Amino acid sequence: CTASVASGRSFNSYAMGWFRQAPGKEREFVAAFGRSGGRSYYADSVK
């Protein structure tokens, strides 16, 4: 996933996440980084 970021902000200042949605189901969390990187977080189903 490649981001085009507005000038004046860095990509690193955004939290970045992955979600997924199967047919007939709600969108669910998969994994994410908080702002400024750091540790990552995962749904139990994909850990």
All heavy atoms as atom14 arrays in JSON, in Angstrom:
{
  "sequence": "CTASVASGRSFNSYAMGWFRQAPGKEREFVAAFGRSGGRSYYADSVK",
  "atom14_mask": [
    [1, 1, 1, 1, 1, 1, 0, 0, 0, 0, 0, 0, 0, 0],
    [1, 1, 1, 1, 1, 1, 1, 0, 0, 0, 0, 0, 0, 0],
    [1, 1, 1, 1, 1, 0, 0, 0, 0, 0, 0, 0, 0, 0],
    [1, 1, 1, 1, 1, 1, 0, 0, 0, 0, 0, 0, 0, 0],
    [1, 1, 1, 1, 1, 1, 1, 0, 0, 0, 0, 0, 0, 0],
    [1, 1, 1, 1, 1, 0, 0, 0, 0, 0, 0, 0, 0, 0],
    [1, 1, 1, 1, 1, 1, 0, 0, 0, 0, 0, 0, 0, 0],
    [1, 1, 1, 1, 0, 0, 0, 0, 0, 0, 0, 0, 0, 0],
    [1, 1, 1, 1, 1, 1, 1, 1, 1, 1, 1, 0, 0, 0],
    [1, 1, 1, 1, 1, 1, 0, 0, 0, 0, 0, 0, 0, 0],
    [1, 1, 1, 1, 1, 1, 1, 1, 1, 1, 1, 0, 0, 0],
    [1, 1, 1, 1, 1, 1, 1, 1, 0, 0, 0, 0, 0, 0],
    [1, 1, 1, 1, 1, 1, 0, 0, 0, 0, 0, 0, 0, 0],
    [1, 1, 1, 1, 1, 1, 1, 1, 1, 1, 1, 1, 0, 0],
    [1, 1, 1, 1, 1, 0, 0, 0, 0, 0, 0, 0, 0, 0],
    [1, 1, 1, 1, 1, 1, 1, 1, 0, 0, 0, 0, 0, 0],
    [1, 1, 1, 1, 0, 0, 0, 0, 0, 0, 0, 0, 0, 0],
    [1, 1, 1, 1, 1, 1, 1, 1, 1, 1, 1, 1, 1, 1],
    [1, 1, 1, 1, 1, 1, 1, 1, 1, 1, 1, 0, 0, 0],
    [1, 1, 1, 1, 1, 1, 1, 1, 1, 1, 1, 0, 0, 0],
    [1, 1, 1, 1, 1, 1, 1, 1, 1, 0, 0, 0, 0, 0],
    [1, 1, 1, 1, 1, 0, 0, 0, 0, 0, 0, 0, 0, 0],
    [1, 1, 1, 1, 1, 1, 1, 0, 0, 0, 0, 0, 0, 0],
    [1, 1, 1, 1, 0, 0, 0, 0, 0, 0, 0, 0, 0, 0],
    [1, 1, 1, 1, 1, 1, 1, 1, 1, 0, 0, 0, 0, 0],
    [1, 1, 1, 1, 1, 1, 1, 1, 1, 0, 0, 0, 0, 0],
    [1, 1, 1, 1, 1, 1, 1, 1, 1, 1, 1, 0, 0, 0],
    [1, 1, 1, 1, 1, 1, 1, 1, 1, 0, 0, 0, 0, 0],
    [1, 1, 1, 1, 1, 1, 1, 1, 1, 1, 1, 0, 0, 0],
    [1, 1, 1, 1, 1, 1, 1, 0, 0, 0, 0, 0, 0, 0],
    [1, 1, 1, 1, 1, 0, 0, 0, 0, 0, 0, 0, 0, 0],
    [1, 1, 1, 1, 1, 0, 0, 0, 0, 0, 0, 0, 0, 0],
    [1, 1, 1, 1, 1, 1, 1, 1, 1, 1, 1, 0, 0, 0],
    [1, 1, 1, 1, 0, 0, 0, 0, 0, 0, 0, 0, 0, 0],
    [1, 1, 1, 1, 1, 1, 1, 1, 1, 1, 1, 0, 0, 0],
    [1, 1, 1, 1, 1, 1, 0, 0, 0, 0, 0, 0, 0, 0],
    [1, 1, 1, 1, 0, 0, 0, 0, 0, 0, 0, 0, 0, 0],
    [1, 1, 1, 1, 0, 0, 0, 0, 0, 0, 0, 0, 0, 0],
    [1, 1, 1, 1, 1, 1, 1, 1, 1, 1, 1, 0, 0, 0],
    [1, 1, 1, 1, 1, 1, 0, 0, 0, 0, 0, 0, 0, 0],
    [1, 1, 1, 1, 1, 1, 1, 1, 1, 1, 1, 1, 0, 0],
    [1, 1, 1, 1, 1, 1, 1, 1, 1, 1, 1, 1, 0, 0],
    [1, 1, 1, 1, 1, 0, 0, 0, 0, 0, 0, 0, 0, 0],
    [1, 1, 1, 1, 1, 1, 1, 1, 0, 0, 0, 0, 0, 0],
    [1, 1, 1, 1, 1, 1, 0, 0, 0, 0, 0, 0, 0, 0],
    [1, 1, 1, 1, 1, 1, 1, 0, 0, 0, 0, 0, 0, 0],
    [1, 1, 1, 1, 1, 1, 1, 1, 1, 0, 0, 0, 0, 0]
  ],
  "atom14_positions": [
    [[0.86, -1.18, 0.0], [0.0, 0.0, 0.0], [0.9, 1.22, 0.0], [1.62, 1.46, 0.97], [-0.91, 0.0, 1.21], [-1.96, 1.46, 1.36], [0.0, 0.0, 0.0], [0.0, 0.0, 0.0], [0.0, 0.0, 0.0], [0.0, 0.0, 0.0], [0.0, 0.0, 0.0], [0.0, 0.0, 0.0], [0.0, 0.0, 0.0], [0.0, 0.0, 0.0]],
    [[0.84, 1.98, -1.08], [1.67, 3.16, -1.22], [0.82, 4.41, -1.07], [-0.27, 4.51, -1.66], [2.38, 3.17, -2.58], [3.2, 2.0, -2.67], [3.24, 4.4, -2.73], [0.0, 0.0, 0.0], [0.0, 0.0, 0.0], [0.0, 0.0, 0.0], [0.0, 0.0, 0.0], [0.0, 0.0, 0.0], [0.0, 0.0, 0.0], [0.0, 0.0, 0.0]],
    [[1.31, 5.34, -0.27], [0.56, 6.54, 0.05], [1.12, 7.76, -0.66], [2.34, 7.93, -0.76], [0.58, 6.78, 1.55], [0.0, 0.0, 0.0], [0.0, 0.0, 0.0], [0.0, 0.0, 0.0], [0.0, 0.0, 0.0], [0.0, 0.0, 0.0], [0.0, 0.0, 0.0], [0.0, 0.0, 0.0], [0.0, 0.0, 0.0], [0.0, 0.0, 0.0]],
    [[0.23, 8.58, -1.15], [0.6, 9.91, -1.64], [0.2, 10.89, -0.55], [-0.98, 11.09, -0.28], [-0.14, 10.23, -2.95], [0.21, 9.33, -3.96], [0.0, 0.0, 0.0], [0.0, 0.0, 0.0], [0.0, 0.0, 0.0], [0.0, 0.0, 0.0], [0.0, 0.0, 0.0], [0.0, 0.0, 0.0], [0.0, 0.0, 0.0], [0.0, 0.0, 0.0]],
    [[1.21, 11.46, 0.1], [0.99, 12.29, 1.28], [1.11, 13.76, 0.91], [2.0, 14.14, 0.14], [2.0, 11.92, 2.37], [1.79, 12.78, 3.61], [1.88, 10.45, 2.73], [0.0, 0.0, 0.0], [0.0, 0.0, 0.0], [0.0, 0.0, 0.0], [0.0, 0.0, 0.0], [0.0, 0.0, 0.0], [0.0, 0.0, 0.0], [0.0, 0.0, 0.0]],
    [[0.23, 14.57, 1.46], [0.27, 16.01, 1.2], [1.56, 16.6, 1.75], [2.11, 16.13, 2.75], [-0.93, 16.69, 1.85], [0.0, 0.0, 0.0], [0.0, 0.0, 0.0], [0.0, 0.0, 0.0], [0.0, 0.0, 0.0], [0.0, 0.0, 0.0], [0.0, 0.0, 0.0], [0.0, 0.0, 0.0], [0.0, 0.0, 0.0], [0.0, 0.0, 0.0]],
    [[2.05, 17.63, 1.08], [3.26, 18.29, 1.53], [3.04, 18.86, 2.92], [1.95, 19.31, 3.27], [3.66, 19.4, 0.55], [2.65, 20.37, 0.48], [0.0, 0.0, 0.0], [0.0, 0.0, 0.0], [0.0, 0.0, 0.0], [0.0, 0.0, 0.0], [0.0, 0.0, 0.0], [0.0, 0.0, 0.0], [0.0, 0.0, 0.0], [0.0, 0.0, 0.0]],
    [[4.05, 18.83, 3.72], [3.95, 19.34, 5.06], [3.69, 18.28, 6.1], [3.79, 18.55, 7.3], [0.0, 0.0, 0.0], [0.0, 0.0, 0.0], [0.0, 0.0, 0.0], [0.0, 0.0, 0.0], [0.0, 0.0, 0.0], [0.0, 0.0, 0.0], [0.0, 0.0, 0.0], [0.0, 0.0, 0.0], [0.0, 0.0, 0.0], [0.0, 0.0, 0.0]],
    [[3.34, 17.08, 5.67], [3.15, 15.97, 6.59], [4.0, 14.81, 6.13], [4.19, 14.6, 4.93], [1.7, 15.53, 6.66], [0.81, 16.48, 7.41], [-0.41, 15.78, 7.95], [-0.11, 14.84, 9.03], [-1.0, 14.52, 9.96], [-2.2, 15.05, 9.94], [-0.69, 13.63, 10.9], [0.0, 0.0, 0.0], [0.0, 0.0, 0.0], [0.0, 0.0, 0.0]],
    [[4.48, 14.06, 7.07], [5.27, 12.89, 6.71], [4.42, 11.64, 6.8], [3.45, 11.57, 7.58], [6.49, 12.75, 7.63], [6.08, 12.39, 8.93], [0.0, 0.0, 0.0], [0.0, 0.0, 0.0], [0.0, 0.0, 0.0], [0.0, 0.0, 0.0], [0.0, 0.0, 0.0], [0.0, 0.0, 0.0], [0.0, 0.0, 0.0], [0.0, 0.0, 0.0]],
    [[4.78, 10.66, 5.99], [4.09, 9.38, 6.01], [4.11, 8.77, 7.4], [3.15, 8.16, 7.86], [4.78, 8.46, 4.99], [4.27, 7.06, 4.97], [2.98, 6.77, 4.53], [5.08, 6.01, 5.37], [2.52, 5.47, 4.5], [4.63, 4.71, 5.34], [3.34, 4.43, 4.9], [0.0, 0.0, 0.0], [0.0, 0.0, 0.0], [0.0, 0.0, 0.0]],
    [[5.22, 8.97, 8.09], [5.41, 8.39, 9.41], [4.45, 8.96, 10.45], [4.29, 8.38, 11.52], [6.86, 8.62, 9.86], [7.26, 7.75, 11.01], [6.87, 6.59, 11.07], [8.02, 8.3, 11.95], [0.0, 0.0, 0.0], [0.0, 0.0, 0.0], [0.0, 0.0, 0.0], [0.0, 0.0, 0.0], [0.0, 0.0, 0.0], [0.0, 0.0, 0.0]],
    [[3.82, 10.07, 10.14], [2.92, 10.69, 11.11], [1.53, 10.06, 11.1], [0.68, 10.41, 11.91], [2.8, 12.2, 10.85], [2.11, 12.44, 9.65], [0.0, 0.0, 0.0], [0.0, 0.0, 0.0], [0.0, 0.0, 0.0], [0.0, 0.0, 0.0], [0.0, 0.0, 0.0], [0.0, 0.0, 0.0], [0.0, 0.0, 0.0], [0.0, 0.0, 0.0]],
    [[1.3, 9.14, 10.16], [0.0, 8.48, 10.04], [0.06, 7.08, 10.64], [1.02, 6.33, 10.42], [-0.41, 8.36, 8.58], [-0.74, 9.67, 7.92], [0.26, 10.41, 7.28], [-2.03, 10.18, 7.93], [-0.03, 11.62, 6.68], [-2.33, 11.39, 7.33], [-1.33, 12.11, 6.7], [-1.63, 13.31, 6.11], [0.0, 0.0, 0.0], [0.0, 0.0, 0.0]],
    [[-0.99, 6.71, 11.35], [-1.18, 5.3, 11.67], [-1.59, 4.59, 10.39], [-2.35, 5.14, 9.58], [-2.29, 5.15, 12.72], [0.0, 0.0, 0.0], [0.0, 0.0, 0.0], [0.0, 0.0, 0.0], [0.0, 0.0, 0.0], [0.0, 0.0, 0.0], [0.0, 0.0, 0.0], [0.0, 0.0, 0.0], [0.0, 0.0, 0.0], [0.0, 0.0, 0.0]],
    [[-1.07, 3.4, 10.19], [-1.37, 2.64, 8.98], [-1.94, 1.28, 9.36], [-1.36, 0.58, 10.19], [-0.11, 2.46, 8.13], [0.47, 3.75, 7.59], [-0.66, 4.63, 6.5], [-0.88, 3.44, 5.18], [0.0, 0.0, 0.0], [0.0, 0.0, 0.0], [0.0, 0.0, 0.0], [0.0, 0.0, 0.0], [0.0, 0.0, 0.0], [0.0, 0.0, 0.0]],
    [[-3.04, 0.93, 8.74], [-3.67, -0.33, 9.08], [-4.12, -1.12, 7.86], [-4.28, -0.56, 6.77], [0.0, 0.0, 0.0], [0.0, 0.0, 0.0], [0.0, 0.0, 0.0], [0.0, 0.0, 0.0], [0.0, 0.0, 0.0], [0.0, 0.0, 0.0], [0.0, 0.0, 0.0], [0.0, 0.0, 0.0], [0.0, 0.0, 0.0], [0.0, 0.0, 0.0]],
    [[-4.27, -2.39, 8.07], [-4.87, -3.28, 7.07], [-6.16, -3.85, 7.66], [-6.18, -4.29, 8.83], [-3.93, -4.43, 6.71], [-2.79, -4.06, 5.84], [-1.5, -3.78, 6.23], [-2.81, -3.91, 4.42], [-0.73, -3.47, 5.13], [-1.5, -3.55, 4.01], [-3.79, -4.06, 3.44], [-1.15, -3.34, 2.66], [-3.45, -3.84, 2.11], [-2.15, -3.49, 1.74]],
    [[-7.19, -3.84, 6.85], [-8.47, -4.42, 7.2], [-8.9, -5.35, 6.08], [-8.34, -5.31, 4.98], [-9.52, -3.32, 7.4], [-9.29, -2.47, 8.6], [-8.32, -1.46, 8.58], [-10.02, -2.65, 9.76], [-8.09, -0.67, 9.7], [-9.8, -1.87, 10.89], [-8.83, -0.88, 10.85], [0.0, 0.0, 0.0], [0.0, 0.0, 0.0], [0.0, 0.0, 0.0]],
    [[-9.89, -6.19, 6.35], [-10.41, -7.05, 5.3], [-11.92, -7.19, 5.46], [-12.46, -7.03, 6.55], [-9.72, -8.42, 5.33], [-10.01, -9.25, 6.57], [-9.14, -10.5, 6.57], [-9.41, -11.36, 7.73], [-8.7, -12.45, 8.02], [-7.69, -12.82, 7.24], [-9.01, -13.17, 9.08], [0.0, 0.0, 0.0], [0.0, 0.0, 0.0], [0.0, 0.0, 0.0]],
    [[-12.54, -7.49, 4.33], [-13.99, -7.67, 4.35], [-14.35, -8.82, 3.43], [-14.08, -8.77, 2.22], [-14.69, -6.38, 3.92], [-16.2, -6.43, 4.1], [-16.83, -5.06, 3.99], [-16.24, -4.11, 3.49], [-18.04, -4.93, 4.5], [0.0, 0.0, 0.0], [0.0, 0.0, 0.0], [0.0, 0.0, 0.0], [0.0, 0.0, 0.0], [0.0, 0.0, 0.0]],
    [[-14.94, -9.84, 4.02], [-15.43, -10.98, 3.26], [-16.89, -10.74, 2.88], [-17.58, -9.95, 3.54], [-15.29, -12.25, 4.09], [0.0, 0.0, 0.0], [0.0, 0.0, 0.0], [0.0, 0.0, 0.0], [0.0, 0.0, 0.0], [0.0, 0.0, 0.0], [0.0, 0.0, 0.0], [0.0, 0.0, 0.0], [0.0, 0.0, 0.0], [0.0, 0.0, 0.0]],
    [[-17.38, -11.4, 1.85], [-18.78, -11.21, 1.44], [-19.75, -11.47, 2.58], [-19.66, -12.49, 3.26], [-18.95, -12.23, 0.31], [-17.58, -12.42, -0.23], [-16.66, -12.31, 0.94], [0.0, 0.0, 0.0], [0.0, 0.0, 0.0], [0.0, 0.0, 0.0], [0.0, 0.0, 0.0], [0.0, 0.0, 0.0], [0.0, 0.0, 0.0], [0.0, 0.0, 0.0]],
    [[-20.65, -10.52, 2.8], [-21.66, -10.69, 3.82], [-21.19, -10.43, 5.24], [-21.96, -10.61, 6.19], [0.0, 0.0, 0.0], [0.0, 0.0, 0.0], [0.0, 0.0, 0.0], [0.0, 0.0, 0.0], [0.0, 0.0, 0.0], [0.0, 0.0, 0.0], [0.0, 0.0, 0.0], [0.0, 0.0, 0.0], [0.0, 0.0, 0.0], [0.0, 0.0, 0.0]],
    [[-19.95, -10.0, 5.38], [-19.39, -9.76, 6.71], [-18.95, -8.31, 6.85], [-18.75, -7.61, 5.85], [-18.21, -10.69, 6.98], [-18.59, -12.16, 7.04], [-17.42, -13.0, 7.49], [-17.81, -14.46, 7.64], [-16.66, -15.28, 8.1], [0.0, 0.0, 0.0], [0.0, 0.0, 0.0], [0.0, 0.0, 0.0], [0.0, 0.0, 0.0], [0.0, 0.0, 0.0]],
    [[-18.8, -7.89, 8.09], [-18.31, -6.54, 8.34], [-16.8, -6.46, 8.12], [-16.09, -7.47, 8.18], [-18.66, -6.12, 9.77], [-20.14, -5.96, 10.03], [-20.43, -5.38, 11.4], [-19.49, -5.26, 12.21], [-21.61, -5.06, 11.66], [0.0, 0.0, 0.0], [0.0, 0.0, 0.0], [0.0, 0.0, 0.0], [0.0, 0.0, 0.0], [0.0, 0.0, 0.0]],
    [[-16.35, -5.25, 7.89], [-14.92, -5.04, 7.74], [-14.25, -5.32, 9.08], [-14.7, -4.83, 10.12], [-14.65, -3.6, 7.29], [-13.25, -3.34, 6.83], [-13.15, -2.02, 6.09], [-13.96, -2.02, 4.86], [-13.9, -1.06, 3.94], [-13.09, -0.03, 4.11], [-14.67, -1.13, 2.88], [0.0, 0.0, 0.0], [0.0, 0.0, 0.0], [0.0, 0.0, 0.0]],
    [[-13.15, -6.07, 9.03], [-12.49, -6.43, 10.27], [-11.01, -6.06, 10.24], [-10.37, -6.04, 9.19], [-12.62, -7.94, 10.56], [-11.93, -8.85, 9.59], [-11.94, -10.31, 10.04], [-12.46, -10.61, 11.13], [-11.41, -11.14, 9.29], [0.0, 0.0, 0.0], [0.0, 0.0, 0.0], [0.0, 0.0, 0.0], [0.0, 0.0, 0.0], [0.0, 0.0, 0.0]],
    [[-10.51, -5.77, 11.41], [-9.11, -5.4, 11.6], [-8.2, -6.58, 11.35], [-8.51, -7.71, 11.75], [-8.93, -4.88, 13.02], [-7.51, -4.66, 13.43], [-6.79, -3.59, 12.91], [-6.89, -5.5, 14.33], [-5.48, -3.37, 13.3], [-5.58, -5.28, 14.73], [-4.87, -4.22, 14.21], [0.0, 0.0, 0.0], [0.0, 0.0, 0.0], [0.0, 0.0, 0.0]],
    [[-7.06, -6.3, 10.7], [-6.06, -7.34, 10.46], [-4.76, -7.0, 11.18], [-4.26, -7.76, 12.0], [-5.79, -7.51, 8.95], [-4.67, -8.53, 8.72], [-7.05, -7.93, 8.22], [0.0, 0.0, 0.0], [0.0, 0.0, 0.0], [0.0, 0.0, 0.0], [0.0, 0.0, 0.0], [0.0, 0.0, 0.0], [0.0, 0.0, 0.0], [0.0, 0.0, 0.0]],
    [[-4.2, -5.83, 10.89], [-2.92, -5.44, 11.48], [-2.73, -3.93, 11.34], [-3.35, -3.32, 10.47], [-1.76, -6.17, 10.8], [0.0, 0.0, 0.0], [0.0, 0.0, 0.0], [0.0, 0.0, 0.0], [0.0, 0.0, 0.0], [0.0, 0.0, 0.0], [0.0, 0.0, 0.0], [0.0, 0.0, 0.0], [0.0, 0.0, 0.0], [0.0, 0.0, 0.0]],
    [[-1.88, -3.36, 12.17], [-1.66, -1.91, 12.1], [-0.37, -1.51, 12.78], [0.16, -2.22, 13.64], [-2.83, -1.17, 12.74], [0.0, 0.0, 0.0], [0.0, 0.0, 0.0], [0.0, 0.0, 0.0], [0.0, 0.0, 0.0], [0.0, 0.0, 0.0], [0.0, 0.0, 0.0], [0.0, 0.0, 0.0], [0.0, 0.0, 0.0], [0.0, 0.0, 0.0]],
    [[0.11, -0.35, 12.35], [1.17, 0.38, 13.03], [0.57, 1.65, 13.58], [-0.22, 2.31, 12.91], [2.26, 0.81, 12.04], [3.37, -0.16, 11.85], [3.59, -0.74, 10.61], [4.22, -0.51, 12.89], [4.63, -1.63, 10.41], [5.25, -1.4, 12.7], [5.46, -1.97, 11.46], [0.0, 0.0, 0.0], [0.0, 0.0, 0.0], [0.0, 0.0, 0.0]],
    [[0.99, 2.05, 14.77], [0.59, 3.34, 15.27], [1.36, 4.45, 14.58], [2.28, 4.2, 13.78], [0.0, 0.0, 0.0], [0.0, 0.0, 0.0], [0.0, 0.0, 0.0], [0.0, 0.0, 0.0], [0.0, 0.0, 0.0], [0.0, 0.0, 0.0], [0.0, 0.0, 0.0], [0.0, 0.0, 0.0], [0.0, 0.0, 0.0], [0.0, 0.0, 0.0]],
    [[0.99, 5.69, 14.88], [1.72, 6.83, 14.33], [3.17, 6.77, 14.78], [3.46, 6.33, 15.88], [1.07, 8.14, 14.77], [-0.28, 8.39, 14.11], [-0.89, 9.68, 14.62], [-1.28, 9.55, 16.02], [-1.5, 10.58, 16.82], [-1.35, 11.8, 16.38], [-1.86, 10.39, 18.07], [0.0, 0.0, 0.0], [0.0, 0.0, 0.0], [0.0, 0.0, 0.0]],
    [[4.06, 7.24, 13.93], [5.5, 7.22, 14.18], [6.04, 5.8, 14.29], [7.1, 5.57, 14.89], [5.85, 7.99, 15.48], [5.42, 9.33, 15.37], [0.0, 0.0, 0.0], [0.0, 0.0, 0.0], [0.0, 0.0, 0.0], [0.0, 0.0, 0.0], [0.0, 0.0, 0.0], [0.0, 0.0, 0.0], [0.0, 0.0, 0.0], [0.0, 0.0, 0.0]],
    [[5.36, 4.84, 13.66], [5.86, 3.47, 13.62], [5.78, 2.81, 14.96], [4.73, 2.8, 15.58], [0.0, 0.0, 0.0], [0.0, 0.0, 0.0], [0.0, 0.0, 0.0], [0.0, 0.0, 0.0], [0.0, 0.0, 0.0], [0.0, 0.0, 0.0], [0.0, 0.0, 0.0], [0.0, 0.0, 0.0], [0.0, 0.0, 0.0], [0.0, 0.0, 0.0]],
    [[6.88, 2.26, 15.42], [6.86, 1.59, 16.7], [6.34, 0.18, 16.56], [6.5, -0.47, 15.53], [0.0, 0.0, 0.0], [0.0, 0.0, 0.0], [0.0, 0.0, 0.0], [0.0, 0.0, 0.0], [0.0, 0.0, 0.0], [0.0, 0.0, 0.0], [0.0, 0.0, 0.0], [0.0, 0.0, 0.0], [0.0, 0.0, 0.0], [0.0, 0.0, 0.0]],
    [[5.66, -0.3, 17.57], [5.24, -1.67, 17.56], [4.04, -1.87, 16.65], [3.32, -0.95, 16.3], [4.9, -2.15, 18.98], [3.76, -1.4, 19.64], [3.28, -2.11, 20.88], [2.62, -3.38, 20.56], [1.99, -4.14, 21.44], [1.98, -3.79, 22.72], [1.41, -5.26, 21.09], [0.0, 0.0, 0.0], [0.0, 0.0, 0.0], [0.0, 0.0, 0.0]],
    [[3.86, -3.12, 16.27], [2.76, -3.49, 15.4], [1.7, -4.23, 16.2], [1.97, -4.77, 17.28], [3.26, -4.34, 14.24], [4.05, -5.41, 14.72], [0.0, 0.0, 0.0], [0.0, 0.0, 0.0], [0.0, 0.0, 0.0], [0.0, 0.0, 0.0], [0.0, 0.0, 0.0], [0.0, 0.0, 0.0], [0.0, 0.0, 0.0], [0.0, 0.0, 0.0]],
    [[0.48, -4.24, 15.66], [-0.65, -4.86, 16.34], [-1.36, -5.79, 15.35], [-1.46, -5.46, 14.16], [-1.62, -3.79, 16.83], [-0.99, -2.84, 17.82], [-0.24, -1.75, 17.38], [-1.11, -3.04, 19.19], [0.36, -0.89, 18.29], [-0.53, -2.18, 20.1], [0.22, -1.11, 19.64], [0.82, -0.26, 20.54], [0.0, 0.0, 0.0], [0.0, 0.0, 0.0]],
    [[-1.86, -6.89, 15.85], [-2.47, -7.89, 14.98], [-3.77, -8.41, 15.57], [-3.93, -8.51, 16.79], [-1.52, -9.08, 14.78], [-0.23, -8.74, 14.1], [0.9, -8.4, 14.83], [-0.14, -8.74, 12.71], [2.08, -8.06, 14.2], [1.05, -8.42, 12.08], [2.14, -8.08, 12.83], [3.32, -7.75, 12.2], [0.0, 0.0, 0.0], [0.0, 0.0, 0.0]],
    [[-4.68, -8.78, 14.68], [-5.85, -9.54, 15.1], [-5.39, -10.94, 15.51], [-4.43, -11.48, 14.96], [-6.85, -9.63, 13.96], [0.0, 0.0, 0.0], [0.0, 0.0, 0.0], [0.0, 0.0, 0.0], [0.0, 0.0, 0.0], [0.0, 0.0, 0.0], [0.0, 0.0, 0.0], [0.0, 0.0, 0.0], [0.0, 0.0, 0.0], [0.0, 0.0, 0.0]],
    [[-6.08, -11.51, 16.46], [-5.71, -12.84, 16.95], [-5.72, -13.87, 15.82], [-4.91, -14.81, 15.81], [-6.66, -13.29, 18.05], [-6.45, -12.53, 19.35], [-5.37, -11.9, 19.51], [-7.35, -12.54, 20.19], [0.0, 0.0, 0.0], [0.0, 0.0, 0.0], [0.0, 0.0, 0.0], [0.0, 0.0, 0.0], [0.0, 0.0, 0.0], [0.0, 0.0, 0.0]],
    [[-6.6, -13.68, 14.86], [-6.77, -14.67, 13.8], [-5.58, -14.73, 12.85], [-5.43, -15.7, 12.09], [-8.04, -14.37, 13.0], [-7.98, -13.07, 12.45], [0.0, 0.0, 0.0], [0.0, 0.0, 0.0], [0.0, 0.0, 0.0], [0.0, 0.0, 0.0], [0.0, 0.0, 0.0], [0.0, 0.0, 0.0], [0.0, 0.0, 0.0], [0.0, 0.0, 0.0]],
    [[-4.72, -13.7, 12.87], [-3.59, -13.69, 11.94], [-2.24, -13.67, 12.64], [-1.2, -13.73, 11.97], [-3.68, -12.48, 10.97], [-5.03, -12.45, 10.26], [-3.42, -11.17, 11.7], [0.0, 0.0, 0.0], [0.0, 0.0, 0.0], [0.0, 0.0, 0.0], [0.0, 0.0, 0.0], [0.0, 0.0, 0.0], [0.0, 0.0, 0.0], [0.0, 0.0, 0.0]],
    [[-2.23, -13.6, 13.95], [-0.96, -13.57, 14.69], [-0.13, -14.8, 14.37], [-0.64, -15.91, 14.33], [-1.23, -13.51, 16.19], [-1.53, -12.13, 16.72], [-1.75, -12.16, 18.23], [-2.11, -10.79, 18.74], [-2.42, -10.8, 20.19], [0.0, 0.0, 0.0], [0.0, 0.0, 0.0], [0.0, 0.0, 0.0], [0.0, 0.0, 0.0], [0.0, 0.0, 0.0]]
  ]
}
